[in-house]
Amino acid sequence: MASVDFIGEPLSTVHPNLEGQTDLRFEEIPAGQAAQGMDVVLLGLPHKVSAHKMPELMASGARVVDLSGDFRLRDAATYQRYYGASHPCPEKLAGEFVYGLPELHREAIKKARYVASPGCFATTIELALLPLARRGLLNGPSRWWASPARRGAVLLPARERTTRCARSTCGPTSRSTTNTSPRSSKPWKTPGPNRSRFGSSR
């Protein structure tokens, strides 16, 4: 079991329900080695970390579903604006990844080798607005407000945010412009006759 933050610790550190069920411990395993012989890799690393591992995974020949935001956008300038860092492999932003929302790109996902999974906020917003967009009932930007149901959303992992340590059902993410904005606008270039685009208001 590979990990970045819990190397050498038992799985129950993060998954208390596994306490006493397994002797497995988290290990530091190079991405390419972990992917050897795999058909599909689900990459669950934070934003700005995932992209550093991707070249190794792509070279392994496995299909990859990336759960971070590192490959949801199409250009390095937009990534820099919303994530506050230069993309480590900007050449892979130009069409190698399919935006993984089945309701929009089901057939493309079936054929894709690399899928960028949408974030939770973007998914709920897009699914709610997609029927309206397809009927041409939206004009201009759509503004919305969203709040996470528990601590940890859009934040780097830390011990106090694990399942065992979660204490409240609602916590802040960011008081400024959130990086959910480009994720919910980019896939919406041509969903309906009015070509509506979506932004966020927090």
N, C-alpha and C. Protein backbone atom coordinates (compact mmCIF):
# COMPACT_ATOMS: atom_id res chain seq x y z
N MET A 1 0.85 -1.18 0.00
CA MET A 1 0.00 0.00 0.00
C MET A 1 0.89 1.23 0.00
N ALA A 2 0.80 2.03 -1.06
CA ALA A 2 1.68 3.19 -1.20
C ALA A 2 1.08 4.40 -0.50
N SER A 3 1.95 5.26 0.02
CA SER A 3 1.51 6.48 0.68
C SER A 3 2.61 7.53 0.61
N VAL A 4 2.21 8.78 0.76
CA VAL A 4 3.16 9.89 0.84
C VAL A 4 3.30 10.34 2.29
N ASP A 5 2.19 10.38 3.03
CA ASP A 5 2.18 10.98 4.36
C ASP A 5 2.29 9.99 5.51
N PHE A 6 2.02 8.70 5.28
CA PHE A 6 1.94 7.75 6.40
C PHE A 6 2.91 6.57 6.23
N ILE A 7 4.06 6.83 5.65
CA ILE A 7 5.03 5.77 5.38
C ILE A 7 5.43 5.05 6.68
N GLY A 8 5.34 3.70 6.65
CA GLY A 8 5.72 2.90 7.81
C GLY A 8 4.63 2.68 8.83
N GLU A 9 3.50 3.37 8.67
CA GLU A 9 2.42 3.24 9.65
C GLU A 9 1.37 2.24 9.16
N PRO A 10 0.63 1.62 10.09
CA PRO A 10 -0.40 0.65 9.69
C PRO A 10 -1.56 1.33 8.98
N LEU A 11 -2.27 0.55 8.17
CA LEU A 11 -3.40 1.10 7.43
C LEU A 11 -4.45 1.68 8.37
N SER A 12 -4.57 1.14 9.57
CA SER A 12 -5.58 1.61 10.52
C SER A 12 -5.34 3.04 10.97
N THR A 13 -4.14 3.58 10.72
CA THR A 13 -3.90 4.99 11.04
C THR A 13 -4.84 5.88 10.27
N VAL A 14 -5.12 5.51 9.04
CA VAL A 14 -6.00 6.30 8.18
C VAL A 14 -7.39 5.68 8.11
N HIS A 15 -7.44 4.33 8.18
CA HIS A 15 -8.72 3.61 8.05
C HIS A 15 -8.97 2.81 9.33
N PRO A 16 -9.53 3.45 10.35
CA PRO A 16 -9.72 2.78 11.64
C PRO A 16 -10.52 1.49 11.56
N ASN A 17 -11.38 1.37 10.57
CA ASN A 17 -12.19 0.16 10.44
C ASN A 17 -11.35 -1.07 10.10
N LEU A 18 -10.09 -0.86 9.70
CA LEU A 18 -9.21 -1.99 9.36
C LEU A 18 -8.33 -2.42 10.53
N GLU A 19 -8.49 -1.76 11.67
CA GLU A 19 -7.66 -2.11 12.82
C GLU A 19 -7.90 -3.56 13.22
N GLY A 20 -6.80 -4.33 13.30
CA GLY A 20 -6.89 -5.73 13.65
C GLY A 20 -7.24 -6.64 12.49
N GLN A 21 -7.51 -6.07 11.32
CA GLN A 21 -7.91 -6.87 10.16
C GLN A 21 -6.75 -7.16 9.22
N THR A 22 -5.68 -6.38 9.31
CA THR A 22 -4.56 -6.55 8.40
C THR A 22 -3.27 -6.07 9.05
N ASP A 23 -2.15 -6.66 8.64
CA ASP A 23 -0.84 -6.23 9.11
C ASP A 23 -0.15 -5.30 8.11
N LEU A 24 -0.84 -4.97 7.03
CA LEU A 24 -0.23 -4.13 6.01
C LEU A 24 0.14 -2.75 6.57
N ARG A 25 1.26 -2.24 6.07
CA ARG A 25 1.70 -0.90 6.42
C ARG A 25 1.92 -0.09 5.15
N PHE A 26 1.80 1.21 5.27
CA PHE A 26 2.03 2.08 4.13
C PHE A 26 3.51 2.09 3.78
N GLU A 27 3.79 2.07 2.48
CA GLU A 27 5.17 2.06 2.00
C GLU A 27 5.40 3.21 1.03
N GLU A 28 6.66 3.57 0.91
CA GLU A 28 7.05 4.56 -0.10
C GLU A 28 7.45 3.79 -1.36
N ILE A 29 6.57 3.77 -2.33
CA ILE A 29 6.80 3.00 -3.56
C ILE A 29 6.81 3.96 -4.73
N PRO A 30 7.85 3.96 -5.57
CA PRO A 30 7.86 4.81 -6.75
C PRO A 30 6.63 4.56 -7.62
N ALA A 31 6.08 5.62 -8.19
CA ALA A 31 4.84 5.51 -8.95
C ALA A 31 4.93 4.48 -10.07
N GLY A 32 6.04 4.51 -10.81
CA GLY A 32 6.19 3.57 -11.92
C GLY A 32 6.22 2.14 -11.45
N GLN A 33 6.87 1.89 -10.32
CA GLN A 33 6.95 0.53 -9.77
C GLN A 33 5.57 0.06 -9.30
N ALA A 34 4.83 0.95 -8.65
CA ALA A 34 3.50 0.59 -8.16
C ALA A 34 2.55 0.25 -9.30
N ALA A 35 2.78 0.85 -10.47
CA ALA A 35 1.88 0.66 -11.60
C ALA A 35 2.22 -0.56 -12.45
N GLN A 36 3.36 -1.19 -12.20
CA GLN A 36 3.79 -2.32 -13.03
C GLN A 36 2.76 -3.45 -12.99
N GLY A 37 2.35 -3.90 -14.17
CA GLY A 37 1.40 -4.99 -14.27
C GLY A 37 -0.04 -4.60 -14.04
N MET A 38 -0.30 -3.31 -13.78
CA MET A 38 -1.66 -2.85 -13.52
C MET A 38 -2.37 -2.47 -14.82
N ASP A 39 -3.64 -2.74 -14.90
CA ASP A 39 -4.45 -2.29 -16.05
C ASP A 39 -4.88 -0.84 -15.88
N VAL A 40 -5.27 -0.49 -14.64
CA VAL A 40 -5.76 0.85 -14.35
C VAL A 40 -5.16 1.33 -13.04
N VAL A 41 -4.75 2.59 -13.01
CA VAL A 41 -4.24 3.23 -11.80
C VAL A 41 -5.18 4.36 -11.40
N LEU A 42 -5.64 4.35 -10.15
CA LEU A 42 -6.41 5.46 -9.60
C LEU A 42 -5.45 6.27 -8.76
N LEU A 43 -5.15 7.49 -9.20
CA LEU A 43 -4.14 8.31 -8.55
C LEU A 43 -4.83 9.31 -7.62
N GLY A 44 -4.65 9.13 -6.31
CA GLY A 44 -5.34 9.95 -5.33
C GLY A 44 -4.42 10.89 -4.58
N LEU A 45 -3.50 11.53 -5.29
CA LEU A 45 -2.58 12.47 -4.66
C LEU A 45 -3.13 13.90 -4.71
N PRO A 46 -2.61 14.79 -3.86
CA PRO A 46 -3.10 16.18 -3.87
C PRO A 46 -2.74 16.92 -5.15
N HIS A 47 -3.43 18.02 -5.39
CA HIS A 47 -3.07 18.92 -6.47
C HIS A 47 -1.60 19.33 -6.31
N LYS A 48 -0.91 19.48 -7.41
CA LYS A 48 0.49 19.92 -7.47
C LYS A 48 1.46 18.80 -7.08
N VAL A 49 0.95 17.66 -6.64
CA VAL A 49 1.80 16.49 -6.37
C VAL A 49 1.57 15.44 -7.46
N SER A 50 0.32 15.27 -7.82
CA SER A 50 -0.06 14.26 -8.81
C SER A 50 0.69 14.42 -10.12
N ALA A 51 0.82 15.67 -10.59
CA ALA A 51 1.44 15.91 -11.89
C ALA A 51 2.89 15.44 -11.94
N HIS A 52 3.58 15.47 -10.81
CA HIS A 52 4.97 15.02 -10.78
C HIS A 52 5.10 13.51 -10.97
N LYS A 53 4.06 12.77 -10.60
CA LYS A 53 4.08 11.31 -10.73
C LYS A 53 3.57 10.84 -12.09
N MET A 54 2.86 11.69 -12.80
CA MET A 54 2.17 11.26 -14.00
C MET A 54 3.09 10.74 -15.11
N PRO A 55 4.22 11.37 -15.41
CA PRO A 55 5.08 10.84 -16.48
C PRO A 55 5.47 9.38 -16.25
N GLU A 56 5.79 9.03 -15.00
CA GLU A 56 6.14 7.64 -14.69
C GLU A 56 4.97 6.70 -14.94
N LEU A 57 3.78 7.13 -14.54
CA LEU A 57 2.60 6.29 -14.69
C LEU A 57 2.24 6.11 -16.16
N MET A 58 2.35 7.17 -16.93
CA MET A 58 2.04 7.08 -18.36
C MET A 58 3.02 6.15 -19.06
N ALA A 59 4.26 6.17 -18.63
CA ALA A 59 5.28 5.31 -19.23
C ALA A 59 5.06 3.84 -18.89
N SER A 60 4.30 3.57 -17.82
CA SER A 60 4.06 2.19 -17.40
C SER A 60 3.11 1.45 -18.33
N GLY A 61 2.34 2.20 -19.12
CA GLY A 61 1.38 1.58 -20.03
C GLY A 61 0.00 1.39 -19.44
N ALA A 62 -0.17 1.70 -18.16
CA ALA A 62 -1.48 1.55 -17.51
C ALA A 62 -2.39 2.72 -17.87
N ARG A 63 -3.68 2.47 -17.84
CA ARG A 63 -4.64 3.56 -17.92
C ARG A 63 -4.64 4.27 -16.57
N VAL A 64 -4.84 5.59 -16.60
CA VAL A 64 -4.75 6.37 -15.36
C VAL A 64 -6.00 7.22 -15.19
N VAL A 65 -6.58 7.16 -13.99
CA VAL A 65 -7.65 8.08 -13.60
C VAL A 65 -7.08 8.94 -12.48
N ASP A 66 -6.90 10.23 -12.77
CA ASP A 66 -6.31 11.14 -11.80
C ASP A 66 -7.41 11.86 -11.03
N LEU A 67 -7.38 11.75 -9.70
CA LEU A 67 -8.42 12.34 -8.87
C LEU A 67 -8.08 13.76 -8.42
N SER A 68 -6.90 14.24 -8.75
CA SER A 68 -6.54 15.61 -8.39
C SER A 68 -6.99 16.57 -9.49
N GLY A 69 -6.67 17.84 -9.30
CA GLY A 69 -7.04 18.83 -10.31
C GLY A 69 -5.95 19.12 -11.32
N ASP A 70 -4.87 18.34 -11.30
CA ASP A 70 -3.70 18.69 -12.11
C ASP A 70 -3.90 18.56 -13.61
N PHE A 71 -4.89 17.81 -14.05
CA PHE A 71 -5.06 17.62 -15.50
C PHE A 71 -6.49 17.92 -15.96
N ARG A 72 -7.23 18.68 -15.17
CA ARG A 72 -8.59 19.05 -15.56
C ARG A 72 -8.61 20.26 -16.49
N LEU A 73 -7.56 21.05 -16.46
CA LEU A 73 -7.50 22.25 -17.29
C LEU A 73 -6.73 21.98 -18.57
N ARG A 74 -6.84 22.93 -19.51
CA ARG A 74 -6.24 22.72 -20.83
C ARG A 74 -5.02 23.58 -21.11
N ASP A 75 -4.69 24.51 -20.22
CA ASP A 75 -3.52 25.35 -20.49
C ASP A 75 -2.81 25.71 -19.19
N ALA A 76 -1.50 25.91 -19.31
CA ALA A 76 -0.66 26.13 -18.14
C ALA A 76 -0.93 27.46 -17.47
N ALA A 77 -1.32 28.48 -18.24
CA ALA A 77 -1.56 29.80 -17.66
C ALA A 77 -2.75 29.77 -16.70
N THR A 78 -3.81 29.07 -17.08
CA THR A 78 -4.99 28.96 -16.20
C THR A 78 -4.64 28.15 -14.95
N TYR A 79 -3.85 27.10 -15.11
CA TYR A 79 -3.40 26.31 -13.96
C TYR A 79 -2.61 27.18 -13.00
N GLN A 80 -1.69 27.97 -13.52
CA GLN A 80 -0.88 28.87 -12.70
C GLN A 80 -1.75 29.84 -11.92
N ARG A 81 -2.77 30.35 -12.57
CA ARG A 81 -3.66 31.34 -11.93
C ARG A 81 -4.41 30.74 -10.75
N TYR A 82 -4.95 29.55 -10.91
CA TYR A 82 -5.82 29.00 -9.88
C TYR A 82 -5.11 28.11 -8.85
N TYR A 83 -3.97 27.53 -9.23
CA TYR A 83 -3.27 26.66 -8.29
C TYR A 83 -2.00 27.28 -7.73
N GLY A 84 -1.63 28.46 -8.25
CA GLY A 84 -0.52 29.20 -7.68
C GLY A 84 0.84 28.58 -7.90
N ALA A 85 0.99 27.78 -8.94
CA ALA A 85 2.27 27.14 -9.24
C ALA A 85 2.33 26.80 -10.72
N SER A 86 3.54 26.69 -11.25
CA SER A 86 3.71 26.28 -12.64
C SER A 86 3.44 24.80 -12.76
N HIS A 87 2.78 24.40 -13.83
CA HIS A 87 2.52 22.97 -14.05
C HIS A 87 3.81 22.27 -14.44
N PRO A 88 4.15 21.15 -13.78
CA PRO A 88 5.43 20.47 -14.05
C PRO A 88 5.52 19.81 -15.42
N CYS A 89 4.39 19.49 -16.05
CA CYS A 89 4.43 18.91 -17.40
C CYS A 89 3.29 19.51 -18.23
N PRO A 90 3.40 20.78 -18.58
CA PRO A 90 2.33 21.49 -19.28
C PRO A 90 2.00 20.90 -20.65
N GLU A 91 2.94 20.20 -21.25
CA GLU A 91 2.69 19.62 -22.57
C GLU A 91 1.60 18.55 -22.52
N LYS A 92 1.31 18.01 -21.33
CA LYS A 92 0.29 16.97 -21.21
C LYS A 92 -1.11 17.55 -20.95
N LEU A 93 -1.22 18.87 -20.92
CA LEU A 93 -2.52 19.50 -20.73
C LEU A 93 -3.29 19.63 -22.04
N ALA A 94 -2.61 19.47 -23.15
CA ALA A 94 -3.22 19.75 -24.46
C ALA A 94 -3.92 18.53 -25.03
N GLY A 95 -4.93 18.05 -24.35
CA GLY A 95 -5.79 17.05 -24.95
C GLY A 95 -5.51 15.60 -24.63
N GLU A 96 -4.50 15.30 -23.82
CA GLU A 96 -4.22 13.89 -23.51
C GLU A 96 -5.22 13.32 -22.51
N PHE A 97 -5.80 14.19 -21.67
CA PHE A 97 -6.74 13.75 -20.65
C PHE A 97 -8.17 14.09 -21.03
N VAL A 98 -9.07 13.17 -20.78
CA VAL A 98 -10.50 13.39 -20.97
C VAL A 98 -11.10 13.81 -19.64
N TYR A 99 -11.92 14.85 -19.65
CA TYR A 99 -12.60 15.28 -18.43
C TYR A 99 -13.64 14.22 -18.07
N GLY A 100 -13.48 13.61 -16.89
CA GLY A 100 -14.21 12.39 -16.57
C GLY A 100 -15.61 12.53 -16.02
N LEU A 101 -16.44 13.33 -16.65
CA LEU A 101 -17.85 13.41 -16.26
C LEU A 101 -18.65 12.61 -17.29
N PRO A 102 -19.13 11.41 -16.93
CA PRO A 102 -19.80 10.54 -17.91
C PRO A 102 -20.98 11.19 -18.60
N GLU A 103 -21.72 12.04 -17.88
CA GLU A 103 -22.89 12.67 -18.47
C GLU A 103 -22.53 13.60 -19.62
N LEU A 104 -21.27 14.01 -19.68
CA LEU A 104 -20.80 14.86 -20.78
C LEU A 104 -19.95 14.10 -21.79
N HIS A 105 -19.10 13.19 -21.30
CA HIS A 105 -18.08 12.59 -22.15
C HIS A 105 -18.03 11.07 -22.04
N ARG A 106 -19.17 10.43 -21.95
CA ARG A 106 -19.22 8.98 -21.70
C ARG A 106 -18.42 8.18 -22.74
N GLU A 107 -18.64 8.44 -24.02
CA GLU A 107 -17.97 7.66 -25.07
C GLU A 107 -16.47 7.92 -25.08
N ALA A 108 -16.09 9.18 -24.87
CA ALA A 108 -14.66 9.51 -24.85
C ALA A 108 -13.96 8.84 -23.67
N ILE A 109 -14.64 8.77 -22.53
CA ILE A 109 -14.06 8.12 -21.35
C ILE A 109 -13.82 6.64 -21.61
N LYS A 110 -14.75 6.00 -22.31
CA LYS A 110 -14.59 4.57 -22.60
C LYS A 110 -13.31 4.28 -23.38
N LYS A 111 -12.92 5.20 -24.25
CA LYS A 111 -11.75 4.99 -25.10
C LYS A 111 -10.47 5.59 -24.53
N ALA A 112 -10.60 6.42 -23.50
CA ALA A 112 -9.45 7.19 -23.02
C ALA A 112 -8.44 6.33 -22.28
N ARG A 113 -7.19 6.70 -22.42
CA ARG A 113 -6.14 6.10 -21.60
C ARG A 113 -5.92 6.91 -20.33
N TYR A 114 -6.25 8.21 -20.38
CA TYR A 114 -6.02 9.08 -19.24
C TYR A 114 -7.27 9.92 -18.99
N VAL A 115 -7.76 9.85 -17.75
CA VAL A 115 -8.99 10.54 -17.38
C VAL A 115 -8.72 11.46 -16.19
N ALA A 116 -9.17 12.70 -16.30
CA ALA A 116 -9.09 13.65 -15.19
C ALA A 116 -10.45 13.67 -14.51
N SER A 117 -10.52 13.10 -13.32
CA SER A 117 -11.80 13.03 -12.61
C SER A 117 -12.22 14.40 -12.12
N PRO A 118 -13.50 14.76 -12.30
CA PRO A 118 -13.96 16.07 -11.82
C PRO A 118 -13.94 16.13 -10.29
N GLY A 119 -13.88 17.34 -9.77
CA GLY A 119 -13.97 17.53 -8.33
C GLY A 119 -15.41 17.41 -7.86
N CYS A 120 -15.59 17.33 -6.54
CA CYS A 120 -16.93 17.12 -5.99
C CYS A 120 -17.84 18.32 -6.24
N PHE A 121 -17.34 19.53 -6.01
CA PHE A 121 -18.16 20.72 -6.24
C PHE A 121 -18.54 20.83 -7.71
N ALA A 122 -17.53 20.70 -8.57
CA ALA A 122 -17.78 20.85 -10.01
C ALA A 122 -18.80 19.82 -10.49
N THR A 123 -18.69 18.59 -10.00
CA THR A 123 -19.61 17.53 -10.43
C THR A 123 -21.05 17.87 -10.06
N THR A 124 -21.30 18.27 -8.82
CA THR A 124 -22.67 18.55 -8.40
C THR A 124 -23.25 19.75 -9.15
N ILE A 125 -22.42 20.74 -9.37
CA ILE A 125 -22.89 21.94 -10.08
C ILE A 125 -23.19 21.61 -11.54
N GLU A 126 -22.27 20.90 -12.17
CA GLU A 126 -22.46 20.57 -13.59
C GLU A 126 -23.68 19.67 -13.81
N LEU A 127 -23.87 18.68 -12.94
CA LEU A 127 -25.02 17.79 -13.11
C LEU A 127 -26.34 18.52 -12.89
N ALA A 128 -26.32 19.51 -12.00
CA ALA A 128 -27.54 20.27 -11.76
C ALA A 128 -27.88 21.19 -12.93
N LEU A 129 -26.86 21.75 -13.57
CA LEU A 129 -27.08 22.74 -14.62
C LEU A 129 -27.09 22.16 -16.03
N LEU A 130 -26.56 20.95 -16.19
CA LEU A 130 -26.46 20.37 -17.53
C LEU A 130 -27.81 20.28 -18.26
N PRO A 131 -28.88 19.81 -17.62
CA PRO A 131 -30.16 19.76 -18.35
C PRO A 131 -30.62 21.13 -18.84
N LEU A 132 -30.39 22.16 -18.04
CA LEU A 132 -30.78 23.51 -18.43
C LEU A 132 -29.92 23.99 -19.60
N ALA A 133 -28.63 23.69 -19.53
CA ALA A 133 -27.72 24.12 -20.60
C ALA A 133 -28.07 23.46 -21.93
N ARG A 134 -28.41 22.17 -21.86
CA ARG A 134 -28.72 21.45 -23.09
C ARG A 134 -30.02 21.95 -23.74
N ARG A 135 -30.90 22.50 -22.93
CA ARG A 135 -32.14 23.05 -23.48
C ARG A 135 -32.01 24.52 -23.88
N GLY A 136 -30.81 25.06 -23.70
CA GLY A 136 -30.59 26.45 -24.08
C GLY A 136 -31.24 27.45 -23.16
N LEU A 137 -31.42 27.07 -21.89
CA LEU A 137 -32.12 27.93 -20.95
C LEU A 137 -31.19 28.78 -20.10
N LEU A 138 -29.89 28.67 -20.33
CA LEU A 138 -28.92 29.46 -19.57
C LEU A 138 -28.23 30.46 -20.49
N ASN A 139 -28.10 31.68 -20.03
CA ASN A 139 -27.41 32.71 -20.79
C ASN A 139 -26.39 33.39 -19.89
N GLY A 140 -25.15 33.44 -20.33
CA GLY A 140 -24.11 34.07 -19.53
C GLY A 140 -23.66 33.19 -18.37
N PRO A 141 -22.86 33.77 -17.48
CA PRO A 141 -22.32 32.97 -16.37
C PRO A 141 -23.39 32.61 -15.35
N SER A 142 -23.19 31.47 -14.70
CA SER A 142 -24.08 31.04 -13.63
C SER A 142 -23.31 31.15 -12.32
N ARG A 143 -23.89 31.81 -11.33
CA ARG A 143 -23.21 32.00 -10.05
C ARG A 143 -23.83 31.09 -9.00
N TRP A 144 -22.97 30.50 -8.18
CA TRP A 144 -23.43 29.54 -7.20
C TRP A 144 -22.59 29.63 -5.94
N TRP A 145 -23.12 29.10 -4.86
CA TRP A 145 -22.43 29.05 -3.58
C TRP A 145 -22.42 27.62 -3.11
N ALA A 146 -21.29 27.16 -2.61
CA ALA A 146 -21.19 25.78 -2.15
C ALA A 146 -20.37 25.71 -0.87
N SER A 147 -20.70 24.74 -0.03
CA SER A 147 -19.99 24.55 1.23
C SER A 147 -19.71 23.08 1.42
N PRO A 148 -18.49 22.71 1.84
CA PRO A 148 -18.18 21.29 2.04
C PRO A 148 -18.95 20.70 3.21
N ALA A 149 -19.25 19.43 3.13
CA ALA A 149 -20.01 18.75 4.17
C ALA A 149 -19.13 18.35 5.35
N ARG A 150 -17.81 18.32 5.13
CA ARG A 150 -16.91 17.96 6.23
C ARG A 150 -15.55 18.55 5.96
N ARG A 151 -14.72 18.58 6.96
CA ARG A 151 -13.38 19.15 6.79
C ARG A 151 -12.57 18.34 5.79
N GLY A 152 -11.66 19.03 5.10
CA GLY A 152 -10.74 18.32 4.22
C GLY A 152 -10.90 18.69 2.77
N ALA A 153 -12.04 19.22 2.36
CA ALA A 153 -12.26 19.53 0.95
C ALA A 153 -11.31 20.62 0.50
N VAL A 154 -10.67 20.39 -0.65
CA VAL A 154 -9.76 21.36 -1.28
C VAL A 154 -8.61 21.73 -0.35
N LEU A 155 -8.25 20.84 0.55
CA LEU A 155 -7.14 21.09 1.45
C LEU A 155 -6.14 19.95 1.35
N LEU A 156 -4.89 20.25 1.67
CA LEU A 156 -3.88 19.21 1.67
C LEU A 156 -4.16 18.23 2.81
N PRO A 157 -3.81 16.95 2.65
CA PRO A 157 -4.09 15.97 3.70
C PRO A 157 -3.27 16.24 4.96
N ALA A 158 -3.86 16.00 6.10
CA ALA A 158 -3.16 16.13 7.36
C ALA A 158 -3.83 15.20 8.36
N ARG A 159 -3.13 14.87 9.44
CA ARG A 159 -3.67 13.89 10.38
C ARG A 159 -5.01 14.33 10.96
N GLU A 160 -5.15 15.63 11.23
CA GLU A 160 -6.38 16.07 11.85
C GLU A 160 -7.56 16.03 10.91
N ARG A 161 -7.33 15.71 9.62
CA ARG A 161 -8.43 15.66 8.67
C ARG A 161 -8.77 14.23 8.27
N THR A 162 -8.16 13.24 8.90
CA THR A 162 -8.50 11.87 8.58
C THR A 162 -9.86 11.51 9.13
N THR A 163 -10.39 10.35 8.70
CA THR A 163 -11.70 9.92 9.16
C THR A 163 -11.77 9.83 10.67
N ARG A 164 -10.71 9.33 11.28
CA ARG A 164 -10.71 9.16 12.74
C ARG A 164 -10.79 10.51 13.45
N CYS A 165 -10.15 11.54 12.88
CA CYS A 165 -10.00 12.80 13.60
C CYS A 165 -11.05 13.84 13.22
N ALA A 166 -11.89 13.56 12.23
CA ALA A 166 -12.91 14.53 11.84
C ALA A 166 -13.86 14.77 13.00
N ARG A 167 -14.08 16.02 13.33
CA ARG A 167 -14.91 16.33 14.48
C ARG A 167 -16.14 17.16 14.12
N SER A 168 -16.11 17.86 12.99
CA SER A 168 -17.26 18.68 12.63
C SER A 168 -17.74 18.31 11.25
N THR A 169 -18.93 18.72 10.91
CA THR A 169 -19.51 18.36 9.62
C THR A 169 -19.36 19.46 8.59
N CYS A 170 -18.83 20.60 8.98
CA CYS A 170 -18.68 21.69 8.02
C CYS A 170 -17.43 22.47 8.34
N GLY A 171 -16.62 22.73 7.33
CA GLY A 171 -15.40 23.48 7.55
C GLY A 171 -15.08 24.35 6.37
N PRO A 172 -14.25 25.39 6.54
CA PRO A 172 -13.94 26.32 5.45
C PRO A 172 -12.96 25.73 4.47
N THR A 173 -13.01 26.18 3.23
CA THR A 173 -12.00 25.82 2.24
C THR A 173 -11.17 27.04 1.93
N SER A 174 -11.77 28.04 1.33
CA SER A 174 -11.03 29.25 0.98
C SER A 174 -11.98 30.43 0.94
N ARG A 175 -11.54 31.57 1.43
CA ARG A 175 -12.38 32.76 1.41
C ARG A 175 -12.16 33.57 0.15
N SER A 176 -11.17 33.20 -0.64
CA SER A 176 -10.89 33.90 -1.88
C SER A 176 -11.38 33.07 -3.05
N THR A 177 -10.96 33.44 -4.27
CA THR A 177 -11.38 32.70 -5.46
C THR A 177 -10.94 31.25 -5.36
N THR A 178 -11.86 30.34 -5.53
CA THR A 178 -11.54 28.92 -5.40
C THR A 178 -11.14 28.32 -6.74
N ASN A 179 -10.29 27.27 -6.70
CA ASN A 179 -9.88 26.64 -7.95
C ASN A 179 -10.96 25.75 -8.54
N THR A 180 -12.15 25.76 -7.93
CA THR A 180 -13.27 25.05 -8.55
C THR A 180 -13.76 25.79 -9.78
N SER A 181 -13.54 27.09 -9.84
CA SER A 181 -14.07 27.90 -10.94
C SER A 181 -13.70 27.40 -12.32
N PRO A 182 -12.40 27.21 -12.62
CA PRO A 182 -12.09 26.75 -13.97
C PRO A 182 -12.56 25.34 -14.24
N ARG A 183 -12.66 24.51 -13.20
CA ARG A 183 -13.08 23.13 -13.40
C ARG A 183 -14.54 23.05 -13.81
N SER A 184 -15.35 24.00 -13.34
CA SER A 184 -16.76 23.95 -13.68
C SER A 184 -17.08 24.74 -14.93
N SER A 185 -16.10 25.50 -15.47
CA SER A 185 -16.38 26.27 -16.68
C SER A 185 -15.79 25.64 -17.92
N LYS A 186 -14.63 25.02 -17.81
CA LYS A 186 -13.95 24.50 -18.99
C LYS A 186 -14.75 23.44 -19.76
N PRO A 187 -15.44 22.49 -19.08
CA PRO A 187 -16.13 21.45 -19.84
C PRO A 187 -17.40 21.93 -20.51
N TRP A 188 -17.76 23.19 -20.29
CA TRP A 188 -19.07 23.67 -20.71
C TRP A 188 -19.03 24.50 -21.98
N LYS A 189 -18.05 24.33 -22.81
CA LYS A 189 -17.94 25.18 -23.99
C LYS A 189 -19.11 25.00 -24.95
N THR A 190 -19.59 23.78 -25.13
CA THR A 190 -20.67 23.56 -26.11
C THR A 190 -21.73 22.59 -25.61
N PRO A 191 -22.31 22.81 -24.39
CA PRO A 191 -23.33 21.88 -23.94
C PRO A 191 -24.70 22.15 -24.52
N GLY A 192 -24.92 23.32 -25.08
CA GLY A 192 -26.24 23.67 -25.59
C GLY A 192 -26.15 24.81 -26.56
N PRO A 193 -27.26 25.23 -27.13
CA PRO A 193 -27.26 26.24 -28.18
C PRO A 193 -26.75 27.59 -27.73
N ASN A 194 -26.81 27.91 -26.43
CA ASN A 194 -26.37 29.22 -25.99
C ASN A 194 -24.90 29.24 -25.54
N ARG A 195 -24.25 28.08 -25.60
CA ARG A 195 -22.83 27.98 -25.25
C ARG A 195 -22.53 28.65 -23.90
N SER A 196 -23.34 28.33 -22.90
CA SER A 196 -23.20 28.95 -21.60
C SER A 196 -21.90 28.54 -20.92
N ARG A 197 -21.37 29.47 -20.12
CA ARG A 197 -20.18 29.18 -19.31
C ARG A 197 -20.53 29.42 -17.87
N PHE A 198 -19.77 28.79 -16.96
CA PHE A 198 -20.13 28.83 -15.55
C PHE A 198 -18.96 29.28 -14.72
N GLY A 199 -19.23 30.10 -13.73
CA GLY A 199 -18.21 30.56 -12.80
C GLY A 199 -18.71 30.39 -11.38
N SER A 200 -17.88 30.76 -10.41
CA SER A 200 -18.26 30.55 -9.01
C SER A 200 -18.37 31.87 -8.27
N SER A 201 -19.20 31.86 -7.27
CA SER A 201 -19.29 32.99 -6.35
C SER A 201 -19.32 32.43 -4.95
N ARG A 202 -18.34 32.80 -4.17
CA ARG A 202 -18.21 32.18 -2.85
C ARG A 202 -18.50 33.18 -1.76
